[in-house]
Structure formats: structure tokens, C-alpha cells
Amino acid sequence: MLYDGAAKFLERALTGFSLEDPAEFNQTINNNILRAQDIVFELNVTLNIRDGGELAMTLRRLYDYMDRRLVEANMKKDKSIIEEILRRVIVLRDAWSQMLSKQAESIMESDSSRNVLAAA
């Protein structure tokens, strides 16, 4: 859900580039980038580095990178950086979604196997 939220705010930030009014342009981009950064921050601080091993460290580095790039995008009002981070967020979201789906399938198969064995 956090990845969905970050993607939503980055998409909203991108809509700011179509606005004619300079104040509205800046405010839309700024506010939505800040919201996306808040989510990236939350993802980062909730990582369990002690137990998460290399995956947690890799995610920490990625979240730090994303935060730095979003700061740069906000300062420069650079659409291409926002698009880059949005692509990365979508890849992460889709990867977690696939993993959770496979995990649920595995649990269901395991439960089904137990039921067959119990019936025999």
C-alpha cells in the first residue's frame, strides 16, 4: 500500500508540469514530491537491518537514493527524475505483489495437501 501511495503522489506531481500558473505548478509538484518522500522515509525507517540481511541493506541504499533524487527533482522541478523514481517504485510494488501472490499460492497448496492427507 505504501508503494501505491508513493506512485500516486509521484503521478500527481507529474500533473503539475501541465499547469500554467507558476504558483500552482510549483505547489503541486512540491507538495506531492514531499508526500512521496514521506512514504519513502517511512519505508526506510521500518526496515529491519539487523534481521533483514543483504536485502534490507540494499533497500536502505535504494530508499536513500530515491530520497536524494526526489530532493533534486523538487529543487530543479525536473520531470525526468520524478519519472525515474516512479518507475522504480512501480518495479518494487510489482515485485512485492508477485512475491505475496506466490506466498499465498504456496500456503493454499500446502493447506490443500494437508486436507488431502487428512482425508486419506
N, C-alpha and C. Protein backbone atom coordinates (compact mmCIF):
# COMPACT_ATOMS: atom_id res chain seq x y z
N MET A 1 0.82 -1.20 0.00
CA MET A 1 0.00 0.00 0.00
C MET A 1 0.86 1.26 0.00
N LEU A 2 2.01 1.20 0.68
CA LEU A 2 2.89 2.37 0.69
C LEU A 2 3.43 2.65 -0.71
N TYR A 3 3.80 1.61 -1.43
CA TYR A 3 4.28 1.81 -2.80
C TYR A 3 3.19 2.42 -3.67
N ASP A 4 1.94 1.96 -3.50
CA ASP A 4 0.83 2.55 -4.25
C ASP A 4 0.69 4.04 -3.93
N GLY A 5 0.82 4.38 -2.66
CA GLY A 5 0.72 5.78 -2.26
C GLY A 5 1.84 6.62 -2.86
N ALA A 6 3.06 6.11 -2.82
CA ALA A 6 4.18 6.85 -3.39
C ALA A 6 3.97 7.05 -4.89
N ALA A 7 3.52 6.00 -5.57
CA ALA A 7 3.28 6.11 -7.01
C ALA A 7 2.19 7.15 -7.29
N LYS A 8 1.15 7.13 -6.49
CA LYS A 8 0.05 8.09 -6.67
C LYS A 8 0.55 9.53 -6.53
N PHE A 9 1.34 9.79 -5.50
CA PHE A 9 1.84 11.15 -5.30
C PHE A 9 2.82 11.57 -6.39
N LEU A 10 3.64 10.65 -6.86
CA LEU A 10 4.56 10.98 -7.95
C LEU A 10 3.79 11.27 -9.24
N GLU A 11 2.74 10.50 -9.48
CA GLU A 11 1.89 10.77 -10.66
C GLU A 11 1.23 12.14 -10.54
N ARG A 12 0.78 12.47 -9.34
CA ARG A 12 0.17 13.79 -9.12
C ARG A 12 1.21 14.90 -9.32
N ALA A 13 2.43 14.66 -8.86
CA ALA A 13 3.49 15.65 -9.06
C ALA A 13 3.71 15.89 -10.56
N LEU A 14 3.66 14.83 -11.33
CA LEU A 14 3.84 14.97 -12.79
C LEU A 14 2.74 15.79 -13.42
N THR A 15 1.53 15.76 -12.86
CA THR A 15 0.44 16.56 -13.42
C THR A 15 0.73 18.05 -13.26
N GLY A 16 1.55 18.39 -12.29
CA GLY A 16 1.90 19.79 -12.07
C GLY A 16 2.62 20.42 -13.25
N PHE A 17 3.30 19.61 -14.04
CA PHE A 17 4.05 20.15 -15.17
C PHE A 17 3.13 20.67 -16.28
N SER A 18 1.86 20.31 -16.25
CA SER A 18 0.92 20.78 -17.26
C SER A 18 0.20 22.06 -16.83
N LEU A 19 0.47 22.53 -15.62
CA LEU A 19 -0.22 23.72 -15.11
C LEU A 19 0.43 25.00 -15.60
N GLU A 20 -0.39 25.95 -15.95
CA GLU A 20 0.08 27.24 -16.48
C GLU A 20 0.51 28.21 -15.38
N ASP A 21 -0.24 28.24 -14.30
CA ASP A 21 0.03 29.17 -13.20
C ASP A 21 1.31 28.75 -12.48
N PRO A 22 2.33 29.62 -12.41
CA PRO A 22 3.60 29.24 -11.78
C PRO A 22 3.46 28.82 -10.32
N ALA A 23 2.60 29.49 -9.58
CA ALA A 23 2.42 29.13 -8.16
C ALA A 23 1.79 27.75 -8.05
N GLU A 24 0.77 27.49 -8.84
CA GLU A 24 0.11 26.19 -8.82
C GLU A 24 1.05 25.10 -9.32
N PHE A 25 1.82 25.41 -10.35
CA PHE A 25 2.84 24.50 -10.89
C PHE A 25 3.79 24.06 -9.77
N ASN A 26 4.39 25.04 -9.10
CA ASN A 26 5.36 24.75 -8.04
C ASN A 26 4.72 24.05 -6.85
N GLN A 27 3.56 24.51 -6.45
CA GLN A 27 2.89 23.93 -5.28
C GLN A 27 2.49 22.47 -5.52
N THR A 28 1.95 22.18 -6.68
CA THR A 28 1.52 20.82 -6.99
C THR A 28 2.71 19.87 -7.01
N ILE A 29 3.76 20.28 -7.67
CA ILE A 29 4.96 19.43 -7.74
C ILE A 29 5.57 19.27 -6.35
N ASN A 30 5.79 20.38 -5.67
CA ASN A 30 6.42 20.36 -4.35
C ASN A 30 5.64 19.51 -3.35
N ASN A 31 4.36 19.77 -3.20
CA ASN A 31 3.56 19.07 -2.20
C ASN A 31 3.52 17.57 -2.43
N ASN A 32 3.40 17.17 -3.69
CA ASN A 32 3.30 15.74 -3.98
C ASN A 32 4.64 15.04 -3.89
N ILE A 33 5.72 15.72 -4.24
CA ILE A 33 7.04 15.12 -4.03
C ILE A 33 7.30 14.94 -2.54
N LEU A 34 6.94 15.94 -1.74
CA LEU A 34 7.13 15.83 -0.29
C LEU A 34 6.35 14.65 0.28
N ARG A 35 5.14 14.45 -0.20
CA ARG A 35 4.35 13.31 0.28
C ARG A 35 4.99 11.98 -0.12
N ALA A 36 5.49 11.93 -1.35
CA ALA A 36 6.19 10.71 -1.79
C ALA A 36 7.45 10.49 -0.94
N GLN A 37 8.16 11.56 -0.63
CA GLN A 37 9.35 11.45 0.21
C GLN A 37 8.98 10.94 1.61
N ASP A 38 7.87 11.40 2.14
CA ASP A 38 7.43 10.91 3.45
C ASP A 38 7.23 9.39 3.42
N ILE A 39 6.66 8.90 2.34
CA ILE A 39 6.44 7.46 2.22
C ILE A 39 7.77 6.72 2.09
N VAL A 40 8.67 7.24 1.28
CA VAL A 40 9.99 6.62 1.13
C VAL A 40 10.71 6.61 2.48
N PHE A 41 10.59 7.68 3.23
CA PHE A 41 11.18 7.76 4.56
C PHE A 41 10.60 6.67 5.47
N GLU A 42 9.29 6.52 5.44
CA GLU A 42 8.62 5.50 6.26
C GLU A 42 9.08 4.10 5.87
N LEU A 43 9.18 3.84 4.58
CA LEU A 43 9.68 2.54 4.12
C LEU A 43 11.10 2.31 4.64
N ASN A 44 11.89 3.34 4.63
CA ASN A 44 13.30 3.24 5.03
C ASN A 44 13.43 2.98 6.53
N VAL A 45 12.73 3.74 7.34
CA VAL A 45 12.90 3.62 8.80
C VAL A 45 12.28 2.34 9.36
N THR A 46 11.39 1.72 8.62
CA THR A 46 10.79 0.48 9.11
C THR A 46 11.57 -0.76 8.70
N LEU A 47 12.64 -0.59 7.94
CA LEU A 47 13.47 -1.73 7.58
C LEU A 47 14.13 -2.32 8.82
N ASN A 48 14.15 -3.63 8.91
CA ASN A 48 14.82 -4.32 10.00
C ASN A 48 16.21 -4.72 9.50
N ILE A 49 17.16 -3.82 9.70
CA ILE A 49 18.52 -4.03 9.19
C ILE A 49 19.18 -5.20 9.89
N ARG A 50 18.93 -5.36 11.17
CA ARG A 50 19.57 -6.43 11.94
C ARG A 50 19.18 -7.81 11.41
N ASP A 51 17.89 -8.01 11.15
CA ASP A 51 17.43 -9.33 10.71
C ASP A 51 17.22 -9.43 9.20
N GLY A 52 17.21 -8.29 8.52
CA GLY A 52 16.88 -8.29 7.09
C GLY A 52 18.02 -8.63 6.16
N GLY A 53 19.23 -8.67 6.68
CA GLY A 53 20.37 -9.07 5.87
C GLY A 53 20.64 -8.15 4.69
N GLU A 54 21.13 -8.76 3.63
CA GLU A 54 21.53 -8.00 2.45
C GLU A 54 20.35 -7.31 1.76
N LEU A 55 19.18 -7.95 1.78
CA LEU A 55 18.01 -7.33 1.16
C LEU A 55 17.67 -6.00 1.85
N ALA A 56 17.68 -6.00 3.16
CA ALA A 56 17.36 -4.78 3.91
C ALA A 56 18.40 -3.69 3.62
N MET A 57 19.67 -4.07 3.54
CA MET A 57 20.72 -3.08 3.25
C MET A 57 20.56 -2.53 1.83
N THR A 58 20.23 -3.39 0.90
CA THR A 58 20.02 -2.95 -0.48
C THR A 58 18.83 -2.00 -0.57
N LEU A 59 17.75 -2.36 0.10
CA LEU A 59 16.59 -1.47 0.12
C LEU A 59 16.92 -0.14 0.79
N ARG A 60 17.69 -0.18 1.86
CA ARG A 60 18.08 1.07 2.53
C ARG A 60 18.82 1.98 1.55
N ARG A 61 19.78 1.42 0.83
CA ARG A 61 20.53 2.22 -0.15
C ARG A 61 19.62 2.75 -1.25
N LEU A 62 18.68 1.92 -1.70
CA LEU A 62 17.75 2.35 -2.74
C LEU A 62 16.84 3.47 -2.24
N TYR A 63 16.30 3.32 -1.04
CA TYR A 63 15.44 4.37 -0.49
C TYR A 63 16.21 5.67 -0.27
N ASP A 64 17.46 5.58 0.18
CA ASP A 64 18.29 6.78 0.33
C ASP A 64 18.50 7.46 -1.02
N TYR A 65 18.78 6.65 -2.03
CA TYR A 65 18.97 7.18 -3.39
C TYR A 65 17.69 7.87 -3.87
N MET A 66 16.56 7.20 -3.68
CA MET A 66 15.30 7.77 -4.13
C MET A 66 15.01 9.10 -3.43
N ASP A 67 15.30 9.16 -2.14
CA ASP A 67 15.08 10.41 -1.41
C ASP A 67 15.96 11.53 -1.96
N ARG A 68 17.24 11.22 -2.18
CA ARG A 68 18.14 12.24 -2.73
C ARG A 68 17.68 12.73 -4.09
N ARG A 69 17.24 11.80 -4.93
CA ARG A 69 16.79 12.18 -6.26
C ARG A 69 15.50 13.01 -6.20
N LEU A 70 14.62 12.68 -5.26
CA LEU A 70 13.40 13.46 -5.14
C LEU A 70 13.68 14.88 -4.64
N VAL A 71 14.66 15.02 -3.76
CA VAL A 71 15.06 16.36 -3.34
C VAL A 71 15.56 17.14 -4.56
N GLU A 72 16.39 16.50 -5.35
CA GLU A 72 16.91 17.15 -6.56
C GLU A 72 15.78 17.49 -7.53
N ALA A 73 14.85 16.56 -7.73
CA ALA A 73 13.72 16.80 -8.63
C ALA A 73 12.89 17.99 -8.16
N ASN A 74 12.72 18.09 -6.87
CA ASN A 74 11.91 19.19 -6.32
C ASN A 74 12.64 20.52 -6.46
N MET A 75 13.92 20.52 -6.21
CA MET A 75 14.68 21.77 -6.33
C MET A 75 14.73 22.26 -7.78
N LYS A 76 14.94 21.34 -8.69
CA LYS A 76 15.10 21.70 -10.10
C LYS A 76 13.80 21.65 -10.89
N LYS A 77 12.75 21.11 -10.26
CA LYS A 77 11.48 20.84 -10.94
C LYS A 77 11.78 20.04 -12.22
N ASP A 78 12.44 18.91 -12.00
CA ASP A 78 12.90 18.04 -13.09
C ASP A 78 11.95 16.85 -13.26
N LYS A 79 11.18 16.89 -14.31
CA LYS A 79 10.19 15.86 -14.59
C LYS A 79 10.82 14.48 -14.79
N SER A 80 11.97 14.45 -15.44
CA SER A 80 12.60 13.16 -15.76
C SER A 80 13.02 12.40 -14.49
N ILE A 81 13.42 13.11 -13.46
CA ILE A 81 13.79 12.45 -12.20
C ILE A 81 12.55 11.84 -11.54
N ILE A 82 11.46 12.59 -11.56
CA ILE A 82 10.21 12.08 -10.97
C ILE A 82 9.78 10.82 -11.72
N GLU A 83 9.90 10.85 -13.03
CA GLU A 83 9.53 9.68 -13.84
C GLU A 83 10.43 8.49 -13.51
N GLU A 84 11.71 8.75 -13.32
CA GLU A 84 12.65 7.68 -12.96
C GLU A 84 12.26 7.03 -11.64
N ILE A 85 12.00 7.85 -10.64
CA ILE A 85 11.66 7.31 -9.31
C ILE A 85 10.31 6.61 -9.37
N LEU A 86 9.38 7.13 -10.12
CA LEU A 86 8.09 6.47 -10.29
C LEU A 86 8.28 5.08 -10.87
N ARG A 87 9.12 4.95 -11.89
CA ARG A 87 9.39 3.62 -12.47
C ARG A 87 9.97 2.67 -11.43
N ARG A 88 10.89 3.16 -10.62
CA ARG A 88 11.50 2.32 -9.58
C ARG A 88 10.46 1.89 -8.54
N VAL A 89 9.60 2.80 -8.14
CA VAL A 89 8.55 2.48 -7.17
C VAL A 89 7.62 1.42 -7.73
N ILE A 90 7.26 1.55 -9.00
CA ILE A 90 6.36 0.58 -9.63
C ILE A 90 7.02 -0.80 -9.71
N VAL A 91 8.30 -0.84 -10.02
CA VAL A 91 9.01 -2.12 -10.05
C VAL A 91 9.00 -2.77 -8.67
N LEU A 92 9.27 -1.99 -7.64
CA LEU A 92 9.25 -2.53 -6.27
C LEU A 92 7.86 -3.00 -5.89
N ARG A 93 6.86 -2.19 -6.20
CA ARG A 93 5.48 -2.56 -5.87
C ARG A 93 5.10 -3.88 -6.55
N ASP A 94 5.42 -3.99 -7.82
CA ASP A 94 5.07 -5.19 -8.57
C ASP A 94 5.83 -6.41 -8.06
N ALA A 95 7.09 -6.22 -7.69
CA ALA A 95 7.89 -7.34 -7.15
C ALA A 95 7.31 -7.84 -5.84
N TRP A 96 6.94 -6.92 -4.94
CA TRP A 96 6.34 -7.32 -3.67
C TRP A 96 5.00 -7.99 -3.90
N SER A 97 4.23 -7.49 -4.83
CA SER A 97 2.93 -8.06 -5.13
C SER A 97 3.08 -9.50 -5.65
N GLN A 98 4.04 -9.70 -6.55
CA GLN A 98 4.29 -11.06 -7.06
C GLN A 98 4.72 -11.99 -5.94
N MET A 99 5.61 -11.52 -5.09
CA MET A 99 6.10 -12.35 -4.00
C MET A 99 4.95 -12.74 -3.07
N LEU A 100 4.10 -11.80 -2.74
CA LEU A 100 2.97 -12.08 -1.85
C LEU A 100 1.97 -13.03 -2.50
N SER A 101 1.76 -12.88 -3.80
CA SER A 101 0.86 -13.79 -4.51
C SER A 101 1.41 -15.21 -4.50
N LYS A 102 2.70 -15.34 -4.77
CA LYS A 102 3.31 -16.68 -4.76
C LYS A 102 3.28 -17.28 -3.36
N GLN A 103 3.49 -16.46 -2.37
CA GLN A 103 3.45 -16.94 -0.99
C GLN A 103 2.04 -17.42 -0.65
N ALA A 104 1.03 -16.67 -1.06
CA ALA A 104 -0.36 -17.07 -0.80
C ALA A 104 -0.69 -18.37 -1.53
N GLU A 105 -0.23 -18.49 -2.78
CA GLU A 105 -0.45 -19.74 -3.54
C GLU A 105 0.21 -20.91 -2.83
N SER A 106 1.41 -20.71 -2.35
CA SER A 106 2.14 -21.77 -1.66
C SER A 106 1.40 -22.21 -0.39
N ILE A 107 0.88 -21.25 0.33
CA ILE A 107 0.14 -21.56 1.55
C ILE A 107 -1.14 -22.33 1.21
N MET A 108 -1.82 -21.91 0.16
CA MET A 108 -3.05 -22.59 -0.24
C MET A 108 -2.75 -24.02 -0.70
N GLU A 109 -1.67 -24.20 -1.45
CA GLU A 109 -1.28 -25.54 -1.90
C GLU A 109 -0.93 -26.42 -0.70
N SER A 110 -0.23 -25.85 0.26
CA SER A 110 0.14 -26.58 1.45
C SER A 110 -1.09 -27.00 2.25
N ASP A 111 -2.04 -26.07 2.39
CA ASP A 111 -3.29 -26.39 3.09
C ASP A 111 -4.08 -27.46 2.35
N SER A 112 -4.08 -27.37 1.04
CA SER A 112 -4.81 -28.35 0.22
C SER A 112 -4.19 -29.73 0.37
N SER A 113 -2.86 -29.78 0.40
CA SER A 113 -2.16 -31.06 0.58
C SER A 113 -2.48 -31.66 1.95
N ARG A 114 -2.51 -30.83 2.97
CA ARG A 114 -2.83 -31.31 4.32
C ARG A 114 -4.25 -31.88 4.37
N ASN A 115 -5.18 -31.20 3.69
CA ASN A 115 -6.58 -31.65 3.67
C ASN A 115 -6.70 -33.00 2.97
N VAL A 116 -5.94 -33.19 1.88
CA VAL A 116 -5.98 -34.46 1.15
C VAL A 116 -5.41 -35.57 2.04
N LEU A 117 -4.32 -35.28 2.73
CA LEU A 117 -3.70 -36.28 3.61
C LEU A 117 -4.61 -36.60 4.79
N ALA A 118 -5.27 -35.59 5.32
CA ALA A 118 -6.16 -35.80 6.46
C ALA A 118 -7.37 -36.64 6.05
N ALA A 119 -7.83 -36.46 4.83
CA ALA A 119 -8.99 -37.21 4.35
C ALA A 119 -8.64 -38.67 4.06
N ALA A 120 -7.36 -38.93 3.78
CA ALA A 120 -6.94 -40.30 3.44
C ALA A 120 -6.80 -41.12 4.64
